[in-house]
Every structure is written in C-alpha cells, then in structure tokens.
Amino acid sequence: AASGIAFDSKSMGWYRQAPGKQREKVATISVIRTTDYADS
C-alpha cells in the first residue's frame, strides 16, 4: 500500500533481498499495466 505519491502515474516494482545478497528487482508493472519479470 502506497501513500503520499501519485500512485497511478508511477511504474512500480517488487524487489527482494535474500540473506547475504544484494536487493534485486523481480517484477515491474507500468502505468499501462505492462509487466516484466526476472527470469528466475
């Protein structure tokens, strides 16, 4: 849940950080709902 931003004008993403690893982007969705995913 997002607040304080113009949410509908932002492309958003999900990220994850595994133990001992850097944060990585796993999925994104654009303002027109185009999606993209990490191969994993």
All heavy atoms as atom14 arrays in JSON, in Angstrom:
{
  "sequence": "AASGIAFDSKSMGWYRQAPGKQREKVATISVIRTTDYADS",
  "atom14_mask": [
    [1, 1, 1, 1, 1, 0, 0, 0, 0, 0, 0, 0, 0, 0],
    [1, 1, 1, 1, 1, 0, 0, 0, 0, 0, 0, 0, 0, 0],
    [1, 1, 1, 1, 1, 1, 0, 0, 0, 0, 0, 0, 0, 0],
    [1, 1, 1, 1, 0, 0, 0, 0, 0, 0, 0, 0, 0, 0],
    [1, 1, 1, 1, 1, 1, 1, 1, 0, 0, 0, 0, 0, 0],
    [1, 1, 1, 1, 1, 0, 0, 0, 0, 0, 0, 0, 0, 0],
    [1, 1, 1, 1, 1, 1, 1, 1, 1, 1, 1, 0, 0, 0],
    [1, 1, 1, 1, 1, 1, 1, 1, 0, 0, 0, 0, 0, 0],
    [1, 1, 1, 1, 1, 1, 0, 0, 0, 0, 0, 0, 0, 0],
    [1, 1, 1, 1, 1, 1, 1, 1, 1, 0, 0, 0, 0, 0],
    [1, 1, 1, 1, 1, 1, 0, 0, 0, 0, 0, 0, 0, 0],
    [1, 1, 1, 1, 1, 1, 1, 1, 0, 0, 0, 0, 0, 0],
    [1, 1, 1, 1, 0, 0, 0, 0, 0, 0, 0, 0, 0, 0],
    [1, 1, 1, 1, 1, 1, 1, 1, 1, 1, 1, 1, 1, 1],
    [1, 1, 1, 1, 1, 1, 1, 1, 1, 1, 1, 1, 0, 0],
    [1, 1, 1, 1, 1, 1, 1, 1, 1, 1, 1, 0, 0, 0],
    [1, 1, 1, 1, 1, 1, 1, 1, 1, 0, 0, 0, 0, 0],
    [1, 1, 1, 1, 1, 0, 0, 0, 0, 0, 0, 0, 0, 0],
    [1, 1, 1, 1, 1, 1, 1, 0, 0, 0, 0, 0, 0, 0],
    [1, 1, 1, 1, 0, 0, 0, 0, 0, 0, 0, 0, 0, 0],
    [1, 1, 1, 1, 1, 1, 1, 1, 1, 0, 0, 0, 0, 0],
    [1, 1, 1, 1, 1, 1, 1, 1, 1, 0, 0, 0, 0, 0],
    [1, 1, 1, 1, 1, 1, 1, 1, 1, 1, 1, 0, 0, 0],
    [1, 1, 1, 1, 1, 1, 1, 1, 1, 0, 0, 0, 0, 0],
    [1, 1, 1, 1, 1, 1, 1, 1, 1, 0, 0, 0, 0, 0],
    [1, 1, 1, 1, 1, 1, 1, 0, 0, 0, 0, 0, 0, 0],
    [1, 1, 1, 1, 1, 0, 0, 0, 0, 0, 0, 0, 0, 0],
    [1, 1, 1, 1, 1, 1, 1, 0, 0, 0, 0, 0, 0, 0],
    [1, 1, 1, 1, 1, 1, 1, 1, 0, 0, 0, 0, 0, 0],
    [1, 1, 1, 1, 1, 1, 0, 0, 0, 0, 0, 0, 0, 0],
    [1, 1, 1, 1, 1, 1, 1, 0, 0, 0, 0, 0, 0, 0],
    [1, 1, 1, 1, 1, 1, 1, 1, 0, 0, 0, 0, 0, 0],
    [1, 1, 1, 1, 1, 1, 1, 1, 1, 1, 1, 0, 0, 0],
    [1, 1, 1, 1, 1, 1, 1, 0, 0, 0, 0, 0, 0, 0],
    [1, 1, 1, 1, 1, 1, 1, 0, 0, 0, 0, 0, 0, 0],
    [1, 1, 1, 1, 1, 1, 1, 1, 0, 0, 0, 0, 0, 0],
    [1, 1, 1, 1, 1, 1, 1, 1, 1, 1, 1, 1, 0, 0],
    [1, 1, 1, 1, 1, 0, 0, 0, 0, 0, 0, 0, 0, 0],
    [1, 1, 1, 1, 1, 1, 1, 1, 0, 0, 0, 0, 0, 0],
    [1, 1, 1, 1, 1, 1, 0, 0, 0, 0, 0, 0, 0, 0]
  ],
  "atom14_positions": [
    [[0.85, -1.19, 0.0], [0.0, 0.0, 0.0], [0.88, 1.24, 0.0], [1.77, 1.38, 0.85], [-0.91, -0.01, 1.22], [0.0, 0.0, 0.0], [0.0, 0.0, 0.0], [0.0, 0.0, 0.0], [0.0, 0.0, 0.0], [0.0, 0.0, 0.0], [0.0, 0.0, 0.0], [0.0, 0.0, 0.0], [0.0, 0.0, 0.0], [0.0, 0.0, 0.0]],
    [[0.63, 2.11, -0.95], [1.42, 3.33, -1.1], [0.61, 4.54, -0.7], [-0.6, 4.61, -0.95], [1.9, 3.48, -2.54], [0.0, 0.0, 0.0], [0.0, 0.0, 0.0], [0.0, 0.0, 0.0], [0.0, 0.0, 0.0], [0.0, 0.0, 0.0], [0.0, 0.0, 0.0], [0.0, 0.0, 0.0], [0.0, 0.0, 0.0], [0.0, 0.0, 0.0]],
    [[1.28, 5.51, -0.09], [0.64, 6.78, 0.24], [1.64, 7.9, 0.02], [2.86, 7.69, 0.05], [0.12, 6.78, 1.68], [1.17, 6.54, 2.58], [0.0, 0.0, 0.0], [0.0, 0.0, 0.0], [0.0, 0.0, 0.0], [0.0, 0.0, 0.0], [0.0, 0.0, 0.0], [0.0, 0.0, 0.0], [0.0, 0.0, 0.0], [0.0, 0.0, 0.0]],
    [[1.1, 9.1, -0.22], [1.96, 10.25, -0.39], [2.57, 10.39, -1.77], [3.47, 11.22, -1.98], [0.0, 0.0, 0.0], [0.0, 0.0, 0.0], [0.0, 0.0, 0.0], [0.0, 0.0, 0.0], [0.0, 0.0, 0.0], [0.0, 0.0, 0.0], [0.0, 0.0, 0.0], [0.0, 0.0, 0.0], [0.0, 0.0, 0.0], [0.0, 0.0, 0.0]],
    [[2.1, 9.58, -2.72], [2.62, 9.66, -4.1], [1.45, 9.63, -5.08], [0.36, 9.19, -4.72], [3.58, 8.5, -4.43], [2.87, 7.14, -4.31], [4.82, 8.55, -3.55], [3.7, 5.97, -4.81], [0.0, 0.0, 0.0], [0.0, 0.0, 0.0], [0.0, 0.0, 0.0], [0.0, 0.0, 0.0], [0.0, 0.0, 0.0], [0.0, 0.0, 0.0]],
    [[1.7, 10.1, -6.27], [0.7, 9.99, -7.34], [0.81, 8.58, -7.91], [1.42, 8.34, -8.96], [0.98, 11.03, -8.41], [0.0, 0.0, 0.0], [0.0, 0.0, 0.0], [0.0, 0.0, 0.0], [0.0, 0.0, 0.0], [0.0, 0.0, 0.0], [0.0, 0.0, 0.0], [0.0, 0.0, 0.0], [0.0, 0.0, 0.0], [0.0, 0.0, 0.0]],
    [[0.22, 7.64, -7.22], [0.43, 6.21, -7.5], [0.09, 5.85, -8.94], [0.83, 5.11, -9.58], [-0.42, 5.39, -6.53], [-0.27, 3.9, -6.7], [0.81, 3.25, -6.14], [-1.21, 3.17, -7.41], [0.95, 1.87, -6.28], [-1.07, 1.8, -7.55], [0.01, 1.15, -6.99], [0.0, 0.0, 0.0], [0.0, 0.0, 0.0], [0.0, 0.0, 0.0]],
    [[-1.01, 6.39, -9.46], [-1.44, 5.95, -10.79], [-0.53, 6.47, -11.91], [-0.68, 6.05, -13.06], [-2.89, 6.35, -11.05], [-3.13, 7.83, -10.86], [-2.18, 8.56, -10.51], [-4.28, 8.28, -11.04], [0.0, 0.0, 0.0], [0.0, 0.0, 0.0], [0.0, 0.0, 0.0], [0.0, 0.0, 0.0], [0.0, 0.0, 0.0], [0.0, 0.0, 0.0]],
    [[0.4, 7.34, -11.58], [1.32, 7.83, -12.6], [2.71, 7.21, -12.47], [3.65, 7.63, -13.14], [1.45, 9.35, -12.52], [2.07, 9.74, -11.32], [0.0, 0.0, 0.0], [0.0, 0.0, 0.0], [0.0, 0.0, 0.0], [0.0, 0.0, 0.0], [0.0, 0.0, 0.0], [0.0, 0.0, 0.0], [0.0, 0.0, 0.0], [0.0, 0.0, 0.0]],
    [[2.85, 6.22, -11.6], [4.16, 5.61, -11.36], [4.21, 4.15, -11.79], [3.31, 3.37, -11.46], [4.54, 5.71, -9.88], [4.92, 7.12, -9.44], [5.66, 7.09, -8.14], [6.1, 8.49, -7.75], [7.15, 8.98, -8.68], [0.0, 0.0, 0.0], [0.0, 0.0, 0.0], [0.0, 0.0, 0.0], [0.0, 0.0, 0.0], [0.0, 0.0, 0.0]],
    [[5.26, 3.81, -12.49], [5.54, 2.4, -12.73], [6.16, 1.84, -11.46], [7.06, 2.45, -10.88], [6.51, 2.24, -13.9], [5.93, 2.66, -15.1], [0.0, 0.0, 0.0], [0.0, 0.0, 0.0], [0.0, 0.0, 0.0], [0.0, 0.0, 0.0], [0.0, 0.0, 0.0], [0.0, 0.0, 0.0], [0.0, 0.0, 0.0], [0.0, 0.0, 0.0]],
    [[5.67, 0.7, -11.04], [6.06, 0.14, -9.74], [6.74, -1.21, -9.9], [6.6, -1.89, -10.93], [4.83, -0.03, -8.85], [4.13, 1.26, -8.5], [5.15, 2.38, -7.49], [5.25, 1.44, -5.96], [0.0, 0.0, 0.0], [0.0, 0.0, 0.0], [0.0, 0.0, 0.0], [0.0, 0.0, 0.0], [0.0, 0.0, 0.0], [0.0, 0.0, 0.0]],
    [[7.48, -1.58, -8.88], [8.17, -2.86, -8.92], [8.21, -3.55, -7.58], [8.02, -2.91, -6.54], [0.0, 0.0, 0.0], [0.0, 0.0, 0.0], [0.0, 0.0, 0.0], [0.0, 0.0, 0.0], [0.0, 0.0, 0.0], [0.0, 0.0, 0.0], [0.0, 0.0, 0.0], [0.0, 0.0, 0.0], [0.0, 0.0, 0.0], [0.0, 0.0, 0.0]],
    [[8.43, -4.84, -7.63], [8.72, -5.63, -6.44], [10.18, -6.04, -6.47], [10.71, -6.43, -7.53], [7.83, -6.89, -6.39], [6.46, -6.63, -5.86], [5.32, -6.42, -6.59], [6.07, -6.56, -4.48], [4.26, -6.22, -5.75], [4.69, -6.3, -4.45], [6.76, -6.69, -3.27], [3.98, -6.17, -3.25], [6.06, -6.56, -2.09], [4.68, -6.31, -2.09]],
    [[10.78, -5.96, -5.32], [12.19, -6.29, -5.15], [12.31, -7.33, -4.04], [11.43, -7.43, -3.18], [12.99, -5.05, -4.75], [12.92, -3.9, -5.71], [11.77, -3.12, -5.83], [14.02, -3.56, -6.5], [11.71, -2.05, -6.71], [13.97, -2.48, -7.38], [12.82, -1.73, -7.47], [12.77, -0.67, -8.34], [0.0, 0.0, 0.0], [0.0, 0.0, 0.0]],
    [[13.41, -8.05, -4.02], [13.65, -8.94, -2.9], [15.13, -8.94, -2.56], [15.99, -8.7, -3.4], [13.19, -10.36, -3.19], [14.03, -11.14, -4.19], [13.44, -12.51, -4.43], [14.19, -13.23, -5.46], [13.73, -14.32, -6.06], [12.53, -14.81, -5.74], [14.46, -14.93, -6.99], [0.0, 0.0, 0.0], [0.0, 0.0, 0.0], [0.0, 0.0, 0.0]],
    [[15.38, -9.21, -1.29], [16.76, -9.31, -0.81], [16.9, -10.61, -0.05], [16.3, -10.77, 1.02], [17.13, -8.12, 0.06], [18.59, -8.09, 0.45], [19.02, -6.74, 0.99], [18.2, -5.94, 1.43], [20.33, -6.49, 0.96], [0.0, 0.0, 0.0], [0.0, 0.0, 0.0], [0.0, 0.0, 0.0], [0.0, 0.0, 0.0], [0.0, 0.0, 0.0]],
    [[17.65, -11.52, -0.63], [17.93, -12.79, 0.03], [19.05, -12.61, 1.04], [19.86, -11.68, 0.91], [18.31, -13.84, -1.01], [0.0, 0.0, 0.0], [0.0, 0.0, 0.0], [0.0, 0.0, 0.0], [0.0, 0.0, 0.0], [0.0, 0.0, 0.0], [0.0, 0.0, 0.0], [0.0, 0.0, 0.0], [0.0, 0.0, 0.0], [0.0, 0.0, 0.0]],
    [[19.13, -13.48, 2.03], [20.19, -13.36, 3.04], [21.58, -13.33, 2.4], [21.91, -14.19, 1.57], [20.0, -14.62, 3.89], [18.57, -14.97, 3.73], [18.21, -14.6, 2.33], [0.0, 0.0, 0.0], [0.0, 0.0, 0.0], [0.0, 0.0, 0.0], [0.0, 0.0, 0.0], [0.0, 0.0, 0.0], [0.0, 0.0, 0.0], [0.0, 0.0, 0.0]],
    [[22.35, -12.32, 2.74], [23.71, -12.21, 2.23], [23.85, -11.76, 0.79], [24.95, -11.78, 0.23], [0.0, 0.0, 0.0], [0.0, 0.0, 0.0], [0.0, 0.0, 0.0], [0.0, 0.0, 0.0], [0.0, 0.0, 0.0], [0.0, 0.0, 0.0], [0.0, 0.0, 0.0], [0.0, 0.0, 0.0], [0.0, 0.0, 0.0], [0.0, 0.0, 0.0]],
    [[22.72, -11.36, 0.2], [22.77, -10.94, -1.21], [22.24, -9.53, -1.38], [21.58, -8.99, -0.49], [21.95, -11.91, -2.07], [22.51, -13.33, -2.12], [21.76, -14.17, -3.13], [22.36, -15.56, -3.24], [21.63, -16.39, -4.24], [0.0, 0.0, 0.0], [0.0, 0.0, 0.0], [0.0, 0.0, 0.0], [0.0, 0.0, 0.0], [0.0, 0.0, 0.0]],
    [[22.53, -8.95, -2.52], [22.03, -7.61, -2.82], [20.54, -7.67, -3.2], [20.04, -8.69, -3.66], [22.83, -7.0, -3.97], [24.24, -6.59, -3.59], [24.9, -5.75, -4.66], [24.6, -5.88, -5.85], [25.81, -4.88, -4.27], [0.0, 0.0, 0.0], [0.0, 0.0, 0.0], [0.0, 0.0, 0.0], [0.0, 0.0, 0.0], [0.0, 0.0, 0.0]],
    [[19.89, -6.56, -2.99], [18.49, -6.44, -3.38], [18.39, -6.54, -4.91], [19.19, -5.95, -5.62], [17.93, -5.12, -2.89], [16.44, -4.95, -3.06], [16.02, -3.61, -2.46], [16.1, -3.61, -1.02], [16.23, -2.51, -0.28], [16.29, -1.34, -0.87], [16.27, -2.59, 1.03], [0.0, 0.0, 0.0], [0.0, 0.0, 0.0], [0.0, 0.0, 0.0]],
    [[17.38, -7.31, -5.38], [17.19, -7.46, -6.82], [15.74, -7.17, -7.16], [14.83, -7.41, -6.36], [17.56, -8.88, -7.27], [16.71, -9.97, -6.64], [16.93, -11.35, -7.25], [17.41, -11.43, -8.4], [16.58, -12.33, -6.58], [0.0, 0.0, 0.0], [0.0, 0.0, 0.0], [0.0, 0.0, 0.0], [0.0, 0.0, 0.0], [0.0, 0.0, 0.0]],
    [[15.54, -6.7, -8.37], [14.19, -6.42, -8.85], [13.63, -7.7, -9.45], [14.29, -8.33, -10.28], [14.22, -5.32, -9.91], [12.89, -4.75, -10.28], [13.01, -3.75, -11.44], [14.02, -2.69, -11.21], [14.13, -1.74, -12.34], [0.0, 0.0, 0.0], [0.0, 0.0, 0.0], [0.0, 0.0, 0.0], [0.0, 0.0, 0.0], [0.0, 0.0, 0.0]],
    [[12.41, -8.08, -9.06], [11.85, -9.33, -9.57], [10.66, -9.12, -10.5], [10.38, -9.99, -11.32], [11.46, -10.29, -8.43], [12.68, -10.69, -7.62], [10.39, -9.69, -7.53], [0.0, 0.0, 0.0], [0.0, 0.0, 0.0], [0.0, 0.0, 0.0], [0.0, 0.0, 0.0], [0.0, 0.0, 0.0], [0.0, 0.0, 0.0], [0.0, 0.0, 0.0]],
    [[9.97, -8.0, -10.39], [8.8, -7.78, -11.24], [8.49, -6.29, -11.31], [8.71, -5.57, -10.33], [7.58, -8.53, -10.71], [0.0, 0.0, 0.0], [0.0, 0.0, 0.0], [0.0, 0.0, 0.0], [0.0, 0.0, 0.0], [0.0, 0.0, 0.0], [0.0, 0.0, 0.0], [0.0, 0.0, 0.0], [0.0, 0.0, 0.0], [0.0, 0.0, 0.0]],
    [[8.0, -5.86, -12.47], [7.6, -4.47, -12.63], [6.27, -4.39, -13.36], [5.91, -5.3, -14.12], [8.64, -3.64, -13.41], [8.77, -4.19, -14.73], [9.98, -3.64, -12.73], [0.0, 0.0, 0.0], [0.0, 0.0, 0.0], [0.0, 0.0, 0.0], [0.0, 0.0, 0.0], [0.0, 0.0, 0.0], [0.0, 0.0, 0.0], [0.0, 0.0, 0.0]],
    [[5.54, -3.28, -13.11], [4.3, -3.03, -13.81], [4.24, -1.54, -14.14], [4.45, -0.7, -13.26], [3.08, -3.49, -12.99], [1.79, -3.32, -13.79], [3.0, -2.8, -11.63], [0.61, -4.07, -13.2], [0.0, 0.0, 0.0], [0.0, 0.0, 0.0], [0.0, 0.0, 0.0], [0.0, 0.0, 0.0], [0.0, 0.0, 0.0], [0.0, 0.0, 0.0]],
    [[3.96, -1.23, -15.39], [3.93, 0.15, -15.82], [2.56, 0.77, -15.54], [1.63, 0.1, -15.08], [4.24, 0.24, -17.32], [3.14, -0.23, -18.06], [0.0, 0.0, 0.0], [0.0, 0.0, 0.0], [0.0, 0.0, 0.0], [0.0, 0.0, 0.0], [0.0, 0.0, 0.0], [0.0, 0.0, 0.0], [0.0, 0.0, 0.0], [0.0, 0.0, 0.0]],
    [[2.44, 2.05, -15.87], [1.17, 2.74, -15.65], [0.08, 2.2, -16.57], [-1.11, 2.32, -16.26], [1.32, 4.27, -15.82], [2.24, 4.84, -14.74], [1.85, 4.63, -17.19], [0.0, 0.0, 0.0], [0.0, 0.0, 0.0], [0.0, 0.0, 0.0], [0.0, 0.0, 0.0], [0.0, 0.0, 0.0], [0.0, 0.0, 0.0], [0.0, 0.0, 0.0]],
    [[0.5, 1.59, -17.68], [-0.5, 0.98, -18.58], [-0.54, -0.53, -18.39], [-1.04, -1.27, -19.22], [-0.22, 1.34, -20.05], [1.17, 0.89, -20.49], [-0.42, 2.82, -20.3], [1.39, 1.0, -21.98], [0.0, 0.0, 0.0], [0.0, 0.0, 0.0], [0.0, 0.0, 0.0], [0.0, 0.0, 0.0], [0.0, 0.0, 0.0], [0.0, 0.0, 0.0]],
    [[0.01, -0.97, -17.25], [-0.06, -2.36, -16.81], [0.76, -3.33, -17.67], [0.49, -4.53, -17.69], [-1.5, -2.83, -16.67], [-2.22, -2.17, -15.51], [-3.66, -2.64, -15.38], [-4.25, -2.28, -14.1], [-4.71, -1.08, -13.78], [-4.65, -0.12, -14.66], [-5.2, -0.84, -12.58], [0.0, 0.0, 0.0], [0.0, 0.0, 0.0], [0.0, 0.0, 0.0]],
    [[1.76, -2.81, -18.36], [2.75, -3.7, -18.98], [3.62, -4.29, -17.88], [4.07, -3.57, -16.99], [3.64, -2.92, -19.96], [2.81, -2.3, -20.95], [4.64, -3.83, -20.63], [0.0, 0.0, 0.0], [0.0, 0.0, 0.0], [0.0, 0.0, 0.0], [0.0, 0.0, 0.0], [0.0, 0.0, 0.0], [0.0, 0.0, 0.0], [0.0, 0.0, 0.0]],
    [[3.84, -5.58, -17.92], [4.59, -6.25, -16.86], [5.89, -6.83, -17.39], [6.02, -7.13, -18.59], [3.76, -7.36, -16.21], [3.39, -8.32, -17.21], [2.51, -6.8, -15.57], [0.0, 0.0, 0.0], [0.0, 0.0, 0.0], [0.0, 0.0, 0.0], [0.0, 0.0, 0.0], [0.0, 0.0, 0.0], [0.0, 0.0, 0.0], [0.0, 0.0, 0.0]],
    [[6.83, -7.0, -16.48], [8.12, -7.62, -16.81], [8.61, -8.36, -15.57], [8.3, -7.95, -14.44], [9.13, -6.57, -17.25], [10.34, -7.2, -17.93], [10.23, -8.34, -18.42], [11.41, -6.54, -17.99], [0.0, 0.0, 0.0], [0.0, 0.0, 0.0], [0.0, 0.0, 0.0], [0.0, 0.0, 0.0], [0.0, 0.0, 0.0], [0.0, 0.0, 0.0]],
    [[9.35, -9.45, -15.8], [9.78, -10.3, -14.7], [11.22, -10.71, -14.85], [11.73, -10.87, -15.97], [8.91, -11.57, -14.65], [7.45, -11.28, -14.45], [6.59, -11.12, -15.55], [6.91, -11.15, -13.18], [5.24, -10.84, -15.37], [5.56, -10.87, -12.98], [4.74, -10.71, -14.09], [3.41, -10.42, -13.91], [0.0, 0.0, 0.0], [0.0, 0.0, 0.0]],
    [[11.88, -10.92, -13.72], [13.19, -11.53, -13.74], [13.04, -12.97, -14.22], [12.02, -13.62, -13.98], [13.81, -11.5, -12.35], [0.0, 0.0, 0.0], [0.0, 0.0, 0.0], [0.0, 0.0, 0.0], [0.0, 0.0, 0.0], [0.0, 0.0, 0.0], [0.0, 0.0, 0.0], [0.0, 0.0, 0.0], [0.0, 0.0, 0.0], [0.0, 0.0, 0.0]],
    [[14.05, -13.46, -14.9], [13.98, -14.83, -15.43], [13.71, -15.85, -14.33], [13.04, -16.86, -14.56], [15.28, -15.18, -16.15], [15.43, -14.45, -17.48], [14.41, -13.93, -17.99], [16.55, -14.4, -18.0], [0.0, 0.0, 0.0], [0.0, 0.0, 0.0], [0.0, 0.0, 0.0], [0.0, 0.0, 0.0], [0.0, 0.0, 0.0], [0.0, 0.0, 0.0]],
    [[14.21, -15.59, -13.14], [14.1, -16.55, -12.05], [12.67, -16.74, -11.56], [12.35, -17.74, -10.91], [14.99, -16.13, -10.88], [14.63, -14.84, -10.42], [0.0, 0.0, 0.0], [0.0, 0.0, 0.0], [0.0, 0.0, 0.0], [0.0, 0.0, 0.0], [0.0, 0.0, 0.0], [0.0, 0.0, 0.0], [0.0, 0.0, 0.0], [0.0, 0.0, 0.0]]
  ]
}
